[in-house]
Amino acid sequence: MGSERGFTFVEVLLVVVVLSFGVLGVLQTTLLAARLELRSRAITTGTFLAQERLERIGVLGWERATAGLVAATLPASLGWAGNWLQEKIDRPGGRFLVAYERDTSSSEPPRCTVHCFWENARGDFDQHQVVRLSVRRRR
C-alpha cells in the first residue's frame, strides 16, 4: 500500500476548498464591478438630464421651461414633504425622477435647483441616489 501514488481525500478536499474561495472571490469582484458600472451609468445620465433641464430654464425662463409639469408629492422613499414640480423619464440606463425647486426667498436672483433621482435595484427612488444642480438666473 505504501508504494501506491495518488492523493488522499483530505488533500483533494483542501484543494477544492481553496479553489472555491478563489472562484467566489473572482465572482464577487465581477458582480461588484457590474453594480458599479450600472451606478456610474445612472450618475452620468442623471447629471446629463439635470444639466439639460437647467439649460432649458436658463434659455426659456422658469415659467416656460416648467410649463406642463405636474406638482405632486414625491415618493415616500425620498422622505421629502410638500408638492414638487416633477417629471419621470425612462432611459435605457433606467428610470429617473426629476424634481424642480425654485428659491425666491432672498433679494438675489432666484436659485433654480434640479434634483435627478434614479431607481435602485428594488425599483424605488432613493434619496442617496441623486444628482443636484443649481443655478441663479437673473430676472
N, C-alpha and C. Protein backbone atom coordinates (compact mmCIF):
# COMPACT_ATOMS: atom_id res chain seq x y z
N MET A 1 0.82 -1.20 0.00
CA MET A 1 0.00 0.00 0.00
C MET A 1 0.86 1.25 0.00
N GLY A 2 1.98 1.24 0.62
CA GLY A 2 2.82 2.41 0.74
C GLY A 2 3.41 2.84 -0.59
N SER A 3 3.50 1.93 -1.56
CA SER A 3 4.11 2.30 -2.83
C SER A 3 3.12 2.89 -3.84
N GLU A 4 1.83 2.86 -3.54
CA GLU A 4 0.85 3.43 -4.46
C GLU A 4 0.92 4.96 -4.42
N ARG A 5 0.82 5.57 -5.60
CA ARG A 5 0.88 7.02 -5.68
C ARG A 5 -0.52 7.57 -5.85
N GLY A 6 -0.74 8.80 -5.38
CA GLY A 6 -2.05 9.43 -5.51
C GLY A 6 -2.25 10.44 -4.39
N PHE A 7 -3.44 11.00 -4.34
CA PHE A 7 -3.75 12.00 -3.34
C PHE A 7 -4.73 11.42 -2.34
N THR A 8 -4.59 11.86 -1.12
CA THR A 8 -5.55 11.42 -0.11
C THR A 8 -6.80 12.28 -0.22
N PHE A 9 -7.86 11.80 0.37
CA PHE A 9 -9.13 12.52 0.36
C PHE A 9 -8.98 13.90 1.01
N VAL A 10 -8.23 14.00 2.07
CA VAL A 10 -8.03 15.27 2.78
C VAL A 10 -7.31 16.27 1.88
N GLU A 11 -6.33 15.82 1.12
CA GLU A 11 -5.61 16.72 0.21
C GLU A 11 -6.54 17.24 -0.90
N VAL A 12 -7.32 16.35 -1.46
CA VAL A 12 -8.26 16.76 -2.51
C VAL A 12 -9.29 17.72 -1.94
N LEU A 13 -9.82 17.45 -0.77
CA LEU A 13 -10.79 18.32 -0.14
C LEU A 13 -10.20 19.71 0.13
N LEU A 14 -8.97 19.76 0.59
CA LEU A 14 -8.31 21.04 0.86
C LEU A 14 -8.13 21.85 -0.44
N VAL A 15 -7.75 21.19 -1.51
CA VAL A 15 -7.58 21.88 -2.80
C VAL A 15 -8.93 22.41 -3.29
N VAL A 16 -9.99 21.64 -3.15
CA VAL A 16 -11.32 22.07 -3.58
C VAL A 16 -11.77 23.29 -2.77
N VAL A 17 -11.52 23.30 -1.47
CA VAL A 17 -11.90 24.44 -0.62
C VAL A 17 -11.13 25.68 -1.03
N VAL A 18 -9.83 25.56 -1.24
CA VAL A 18 -9.02 26.72 -1.63
C VAL A 18 -9.47 27.25 -2.99
N LEU A 19 -9.70 26.39 -3.97
CA LEU A 19 -10.17 26.83 -5.28
C LEU A 19 -11.55 27.47 -5.20
N SER A 20 -12.41 26.94 -4.35
CA SER A 20 -13.75 27.52 -4.18
C SER A 20 -13.67 28.95 -3.68
N PHE A 21 -12.80 29.20 -2.70
CA PHE A 21 -12.64 30.57 -2.21
C PHE A 21 -12.12 31.49 -3.32
N GLY A 22 -11.21 31.01 -4.12
CA GLY A 22 -10.69 31.81 -5.23
C GLY A 22 -11.76 32.12 -6.26
N VAL A 23 -12.56 31.14 -6.64
CA VAL A 23 -13.62 31.34 -7.62
C VAL A 23 -14.68 32.28 -7.05
N LEU A 24 -15.05 32.11 -5.79
CA LEU A 24 -16.03 33.00 -5.17
C LEU A 24 -15.52 34.44 -5.11
N GLY A 25 -14.25 34.61 -4.84
CA GLY A 25 -13.66 35.96 -4.82
C GLY A 25 -13.73 36.63 -6.18
N VAL A 26 -13.41 35.89 -7.21
CA VAL A 26 -13.48 36.44 -8.58
C VAL A 26 -14.92 36.75 -8.94
N LEU A 27 -15.85 35.88 -8.59
CA LEU A 27 -17.26 36.11 -8.88
C LEU A 27 -17.78 37.35 -8.16
N GLN A 28 -17.40 37.49 -6.90
CA GLN A 28 -17.84 38.66 -6.13
C GLN A 28 -17.27 39.95 -6.72
N THR A 29 -16.04 39.92 -7.13
CA THR A 29 -15.42 41.09 -7.75
C THR A 29 -16.12 41.44 -9.06
N THR A 30 -16.48 40.44 -9.84
CA THR A 30 -17.18 40.68 -11.10
C THR A 30 -18.55 41.29 -10.86
N LEU A 31 -19.28 40.78 -9.87
CA LEU A 31 -20.60 41.34 -9.55
C LEU A 31 -20.48 42.77 -9.04
N LEU A 32 -19.48 43.05 -8.23
CA LEU A 32 -19.27 44.41 -7.74
C LEU A 32 -18.97 45.35 -8.90
N ALA A 33 -18.13 44.92 -9.82
CA ALA A 33 -17.81 45.75 -10.98
C ALA A 33 -19.06 46.03 -11.82
N ALA A 34 -19.93 45.05 -11.96
CA ALA A 34 -21.16 45.25 -12.73
C ALA A 34 -22.07 46.25 -12.03
N ARG A 35 -22.21 46.15 -10.70
CA ARG A 35 -23.04 47.11 -9.96
C ARG A 35 -22.47 48.52 -10.05
N LEU A 36 -21.16 48.64 -9.93
CA LEU A 36 -20.54 49.97 -10.02
C LEU A 36 -20.69 50.57 -11.42
N GLU A 37 -20.65 49.72 -12.44
CA GLU A 37 -20.84 50.22 -13.81
C GLU A 37 -22.27 50.73 -13.99
N LEU A 38 -23.25 50.03 -13.46
CA LEU A 38 -24.64 50.49 -13.54
C LEU A 38 -24.83 51.80 -12.79
N ARG A 39 -24.21 51.90 -11.61
CA ARG A 39 -24.31 53.14 -10.83
C ARG A 39 -23.65 54.30 -11.56
N SER A 40 -22.51 54.03 -12.15
CA SER A 40 -21.81 55.07 -12.91
C SER A 40 -22.64 55.55 -14.09
N ARG A 41 -23.29 54.62 -14.78
CA ARG A 41 -24.15 54.98 -15.90
C ARG A 41 -25.33 55.83 -15.43
N ALA A 42 -25.92 55.47 -14.28
CA ALA A 42 -27.05 56.23 -13.75
C ALA A 42 -26.61 57.64 -13.35
N ILE A 43 -25.43 57.78 -12.73
CA ILE A 43 -24.93 59.10 -12.34
C ILE A 43 -24.69 59.95 -13.58
N THR A 44 -24.09 59.36 -14.59
CA THR A 44 -23.82 60.11 -15.82
C THR A 44 -25.12 60.56 -16.49
N THR A 45 -26.08 59.65 -16.60
CA THR A 45 -27.36 60.01 -17.22
C THR A 45 -28.10 61.03 -16.38
N GLY A 46 -28.11 60.86 -15.05
CA GLY A 46 -28.77 61.82 -14.16
C GLY A 46 -28.14 63.20 -14.25
N THR A 47 -26.83 63.26 -14.33
CA THR A 47 -26.15 64.55 -14.47
C THR A 47 -26.51 65.20 -15.80
N PHE A 48 -26.53 64.41 -16.86
CA PHE A 48 -26.92 64.93 -18.17
C PHE A 48 -28.34 65.48 -18.14
N LEU A 49 -29.27 64.72 -17.56
CA LEU A 49 -30.67 65.16 -17.51
C LEU A 49 -30.81 66.45 -16.69
N ALA A 50 -30.15 66.51 -15.54
CA ALA A 50 -30.24 67.70 -14.70
C ALA A 50 -29.64 68.91 -15.41
N GLN A 51 -28.50 68.73 -16.05
CA GLN A 51 -27.85 69.84 -16.76
C GLN A 51 -28.73 70.30 -17.92
N GLU A 52 -29.32 69.37 -18.64
CA GLU A 52 -30.20 69.70 -19.75
C GLU A 52 -31.40 70.52 -19.26
N ARG A 53 -31.97 70.12 -18.12
CA ARG A 53 -33.13 70.85 -17.59
C ARG A 53 -32.74 72.25 -17.12
N LEU A 54 -31.57 72.39 -16.51
CA LEU A 54 -31.12 73.72 -16.08
C LEU A 54 -30.85 74.63 -17.28
N GLU A 55 -30.28 74.07 -18.33
CA GLU A 55 -30.05 74.88 -19.53
C GLU A 55 -31.37 75.34 -20.13
N ARG A 56 -32.37 74.48 -20.10
CA ARG A 56 -33.69 74.85 -20.61
C ARG A 56 -34.27 76.00 -19.77
N ILE A 57 -34.11 75.93 -18.45
CA ILE A 57 -34.59 77.01 -17.58
C ILE A 57 -33.84 78.30 -17.90
N GLY A 58 -32.52 78.18 -18.14
CA GLY A 58 -31.74 79.37 -18.46
C GLY A 58 -32.15 80.03 -19.76
N VAL A 59 -32.53 79.24 -20.74
CA VAL A 59 -32.89 79.77 -22.05
C VAL A 59 -34.34 80.26 -22.08
N LEU A 60 -35.25 79.43 -21.56
CA LEU A 60 -36.67 79.75 -21.67
C LEU A 60 -37.23 80.52 -20.47
N GLY A 61 -36.55 80.47 -19.36
CA GLY A 61 -37.10 81.05 -18.14
C GLY A 61 -37.89 79.99 -17.38
N TRP A 62 -38.09 80.21 -16.10
CA TRP A 62 -38.73 79.23 -15.22
C TRP A 62 -40.14 78.86 -15.70
N GLU A 63 -40.95 79.88 -15.96
CA GLU A 63 -42.36 79.61 -16.28
C GLU A 63 -42.51 78.78 -17.55
N ARG A 64 -41.79 79.15 -18.62
CA ARG A 64 -41.92 78.41 -19.88
C ARG A 64 -41.26 77.04 -19.81
N ALA A 65 -40.14 76.94 -19.09
CA ALA A 65 -39.42 75.66 -19.02
C ALA A 65 -40.18 74.63 -18.19
N THR A 66 -40.94 75.09 -17.22
CA THR A 66 -41.66 74.15 -16.35
C THR A 66 -43.15 74.06 -16.69
N ALA A 67 -43.57 74.72 -17.76
CA ALA A 67 -44.98 74.64 -18.16
C ALA A 67 -45.33 73.19 -18.50
N GLY A 68 -46.45 72.76 -18.02
CA GLY A 68 -46.90 71.41 -18.30
C GLY A 68 -46.45 70.37 -17.29
N LEU A 69 -45.55 70.74 -16.37
CA LEU A 69 -45.13 69.80 -15.34
C LEU A 69 -46.17 69.77 -14.23
N VAL A 70 -46.31 68.64 -13.61
CA VAL A 70 -47.32 68.45 -12.56
C VAL A 70 -46.66 68.60 -11.20
N ALA A 71 -47.30 69.37 -10.31
CA ALA A 71 -46.84 69.47 -8.93
C ALA A 71 -47.49 68.35 -8.14
N ALA A 72 -46.67 67.50 -7.56
CA ALA A 72 -47.18 66.36 -6.81
C ALA A 72 -46.21 66.01 -5.69
N THR A 73 -46.68 65.19 -4.77
CA THR A 73 -45.83 64.72 -3.68
C THR A 73 -44.83 63.72 -4.23
N LEU A 74 -43.59 63.83 -3.78
CA LEU A 74 -42.56 62.88 -4.20
C LEU A 74 -42.80 61.53 -3.53
N PRO A 75 -42.23 60.45 -4.06
CA PRO A 75 -42.40 59.15 -3.43
C PRO A 75 -41.94 59.16 -1.97
N ALA A 76 -42.62 58.38 -1.15
CA ALA A 76 -42.33 58.35 0.29
C ALA A 76 -40.90 57.90 0.57
N SER A 77 -40.31 57.11 -0.31
CA SER A 77 -38.94 56.62 -0.09
C SER A 77 -37.92 57.75 -0.08
N LEU A 78 -38.28 58.91 -0.64
CA LEU A 78 -37.36 60.05 -0.65
C LEU A 78 -37.41 60.83 0.65
N GLY A 79 -38.53 60.76 1.34
CA GLY A 79 -38.65 61.44 2.63
C GLY A 79 -38.76 62.95 2.53
N TRP A 80 -39.16 63.49 1.40
CA TRP A 80 -39.31 64.93 1.22
C TRP A 80 -40.78 65.28 1.23
N ALA A 81 -41.14 66.27 2.01
CA ALA A 81 -42.54 66.68 2.11
C ALA A 81 -42.86 67.76 1.08
N GLY A 82 -44.14 68.02 0.90
CA GLY A 82 -44.58 69.08 0.02
C GLY A 82 -44.76 68.63 -1.42
N ASN A 83 -45.32 69.54 -2.19
CA ASN A 83 -45.52 69.28 -3.62
C ASN A 83 -44.34 69.85 -4.41
N TRP A 84 -43.88 69.08 -5.37
CA TRP A 84 -42.75 69.46 -6.21
C TRP A 84 -43.16 69.33 -7.66
N LEU A 85 -42.69 70.27 -8.49
CA LEU A 85 -42.82 70.08 -9.93
C LEU A 85 -41.91 68.91 -10.29
N GLN A 86 -42.43 67.98 -11.05
CA GLN A 86 -41.62 66.78 -11.32
C GLN A 86 -42.00 66.15 -12.64
N GLU A 87 -41.07 65.34 -13.13
CA GLU A 87 -41.33 64.54 -14.32
C GLU A 87 -40.56 63.24 -14.20
N LYS A 88 -41.15 62.17 -14.72
CA LYS A 88 -40.49 60.87 -14.74
C LYS A 88 -40.00 60.62 -16.15
N ILE A 89 -38.78 60.12 -16.24
CA ILE A 89 -38.14 59.91 -17.53
C ILE A 89 -37.61 58.48 -17.60
N ASP A 90 -37.93 57.79 -18.67
CA ASP A 90 -37.40 56.44 -18.91
C ASP A 90 -36.28 56.55 -19.93
N ARG A 91 -35.13 56.03 -19.57
CA ARG A 91 -33.98 56.00 -20.45
C ARG A 91 -33.42 54.58 -20.46
N PRO A 92 -32.61 54.23 -21.43
CA PRO A 92 -32.04 52.88 -21.44
C PRO A 92 -31.28 52.54 -20.16
N GLY A 93 -30.71 53.54 -19.50
CA GLY A 93 -29.97 53.31 -18.26
C GLY A 93 -30.85 53.14 -17.04
N GLY A 94 -32.15 53.33 -17.17
CA GLY A 94 -33.05 53.19 -16.03
C GLY A 94 -34.14 54.24 -16.03
N ARG A 95 -34.88 54.29 -14.92
CA ARG A 95 -35.95 55.27 -14.75
C ARG A 95 -35.45 56.38 -13.85
N PHE A 96 -35.81 57.61 -14.20
CA PHE A 96 -35.34 58.78 -13.48
C PHE A 96 -36.53 59.64 -13.08
N LEU A 97 -36.39 60.32 -11.96
CA LEU A 97 -37.39 61.27 -11.47
C LEU A 97 -36.69 62.61 -11.32
N VAL A 98 -37.15 63.61 -12.05
CA VAL A 98 -36.56 64.95 -11.99
C VAL A 98 -37.53 65.85 -11.22
N ALA A 99 -37.03 66.45 -10.13
CA ALA A 99 -37.83 67.35 -9.31
C ALA A 99 -37.22 68.75 -9.41
N TYR A 100 -38.08 69.75 -9.55
CA TYR A 100 -37.65 71.13 -9.75
C TYR A 100 -37.93 71.93 -8.48
N GLU A 101 -37.01 72.81 -8.15
CA GLU A 101 -37.16 73.67 -6.97
C GLU A 101 -36.73 75.09 -7.33
N ARG A 102 -37.48 76.06 -6.87
CA ARG A 102 -37.14 77.46 -7.13
C ARG A 102 -37.19 78.21 -5.81
N ASP A 103 -36.05 78.78 -5.42
CA ASP A 103 -35.94 79.51 -4.15
C ASP A 103 -35.93 81.00 -4.46
N THR A 104 -37.01 81.67 -4.10
CA THR A 104 -37.13 83.11 -4.35
C THR A 104 -37.13 83.88 -3.04
N SER A 105 -36.60 83.29 -1.96
CA SER A 105 -36.70 83.91 -0.64
C SER A 105 -35.77 85.10 -0.45
N SER A 106 -34.69 85.19 -1.18
CA SER A 106 -33.76 86.30 -0.98
C SER A 106 -33.96 87.37 -2.06
N SER A 107 -33.26 88.49 -1.88
CA SER A 107 -33.37 89.57 -2.85
C SER A 107 -32.49 89.32 -4.09
N GLU A 108 -31.63 88.32 -4.01
CA GLU A 108 -30.78 87.96 -5.15
C GLU A 108 -31.64 87.30 -6.22
N PRO A 109 -31.05 87.07 -7.39
CA PRO A 109 -31.82 86.31 -8.40
C PRO A 109 -32.21 84.95 -7.83
N PRO A 110 -33.36 84.44 -8.22
CA PRO A 110 -33.82 83.16 -7.66
C PRO A 110 -32.89 82.01 -8.02
N ARG A 111 -32.74 81.09 -7.09
CA ARG A 111 -31.93 79.90 -7.33
C ARG A 111 -32.86 78.79 -7.82
N CYS A 112 -32.53 78.23 -8.97
CA CYS A 112 -33.28 77.11 -9.52
C CYS A 112 -32.43 75.85 -9.33
N THR A 113 -33.04 74.84 -8.74
CA THR A 113 -32.34 73.58 -8.48
C THR A 113 -33.10 72.45 -9.13
N VAL A 114 -32.35 71.55 -9.75
CA VAL A 114 -32.93 70.36 -10.35
C VAL A 114 -32.34 69.16 -9.61
N HIS A 115 -33.23 68.32 -9.08
CA HIS A 115 -32.83 67.09 -8.39
C HIS A 115 -33.20 65.93 -9.31
N CYS A 116 -32.23 65.11 -9.66
CA CYS A 116 -32.49 63.97 -10.54
C CYS A 116 -32.20 62.68 -9.77
N PHE A 117 -33.26 61.94 -9.46
CA PHE A 117 -33.14 60.68 -8.73
C PHE A 117 -33.21 59.53 -9.72
N TRP A 118 -32.60 58.41 -9.40
CA TRP A 118 -32.75 57.21 -10.22
C TRP A 118 -33.12 56.03 -9.34
N GLU A 119 -33.73 55.04 -9.98
CA GLU A 119 -34.22 53.87 -9.26
C GLU A 119 -33.07 52.99 -8.77
N ASN A 120 -33.29 52.39 -7.60
CA ASN A 120 -32.33 51.41 -7.10
C ASN A 120 -32.74 50.02 -7.60
N ALA A 121 -32.05 49.00 -7.14
CA ALA A 121 -32.31 47.64 -7.62
C ALA A 121 -33.71 47.15 -7.25
N ARG A 122 -34.31 47.71 -6.19
CA ARG A 122 -35.65 47.30 -5.77
C ARG A 122 -36.74 48.04 -6.54
N GLY A 123 -36.37 49.00 -7.37
CA GLY A 123 -37.36 49.74 -8.15
C GLY A 123 -37.90 50.97 -7.45
N ASP A 124 -37.28 51.42 -6.32
CA ASP A 124 -37.70 52.66 -5.66
C ASP A 124 -36.67 53.75 -5.93
N PHE A 125 -37.13 54.97 -5.75
CA PHE A 125 -36.21 56.10 -5.82
C PHE A 125 -35.63 56.29 -4.43
N ASP A 126 -34.33 56.53 -4.35
CA ASP A 126 -33.62 56.62 -3.08
C ASP A 126 -33.04 58.02 -2.94
N GLN A 127 -33.17 58.61 -1.74
CA GLN A 127 -32.66 59.97 -1.53
C GLN A 127 -31.14 60.05 -1.61
N HIS A 128 -30.45 58.92 -1.54
CA HIS A 128 -28.99 58.92 -1.65
C HIS A 128 -28.52 58.75 -3.09
N GLN A 129 -29.43 58.42 -3.97
CA GLN A 129 -29.10 58.27 -5.39
C GLN A 129 -29.68 59.46 -6.13
N VAL A 130 -28.95 60.57 -6.06
CA VAL A 130 -29.46 61.81 -6.62
C VAL A 130 -28.30 62.66 -7.14
N VAL A 131 -28.60 63.41 -8.19
CA VAL A 131 -27.71 64.46 -8.69
C VAL A 131 -28.46 65.77 -8.52
N ARG A 132 -27.81 66.76 -7.89
CA ARG A 132 -28.43 68.07 -7.70
C ARG A 132 -27.57 69.12 -8.39
N LEU A 133 -28.20 69.91 -9.24
CA LEU A 133 -27.52 71.02 -9.89
C LEU A 133 -28.36 72.27 -9.68
N SER A 134 -27.69 73.39 -9.42
CA SER A 134 -28.39 74.67 -9.18
C SER A 134 -27.77 75.76 -10.02
N VAL A 135 -28.59 76.78 -10.27
CA VAL A 135 -28.14 77.97 -10.98
C VAL A 135 -28.96 79.15 -10.51
N ARG A 136 -28.32 80.31 -10.46
CA ARG A 136 -29.06 81.55 -10.20
C ARG A 136 -29.27 82.23 -11.53
N ARG A 137 -30.48 82.64 -11.78
CA ARG A 137 -30.80 83.25 -13.07
C ARG A 137 -31.23 84.69 -12.83
N ARG A 138 -30.63 85.57 -13.57
CA ARG A 138 -31.03 86.98 -13.48
C ARG A 138 -32.42 87.16 -14.05
N ARG A 139 -33.16 88.07 -13.47
CA ARG A 139 -34.55 88.28 -13.92
C ARG A 139 -34.60 89.05 -15.21
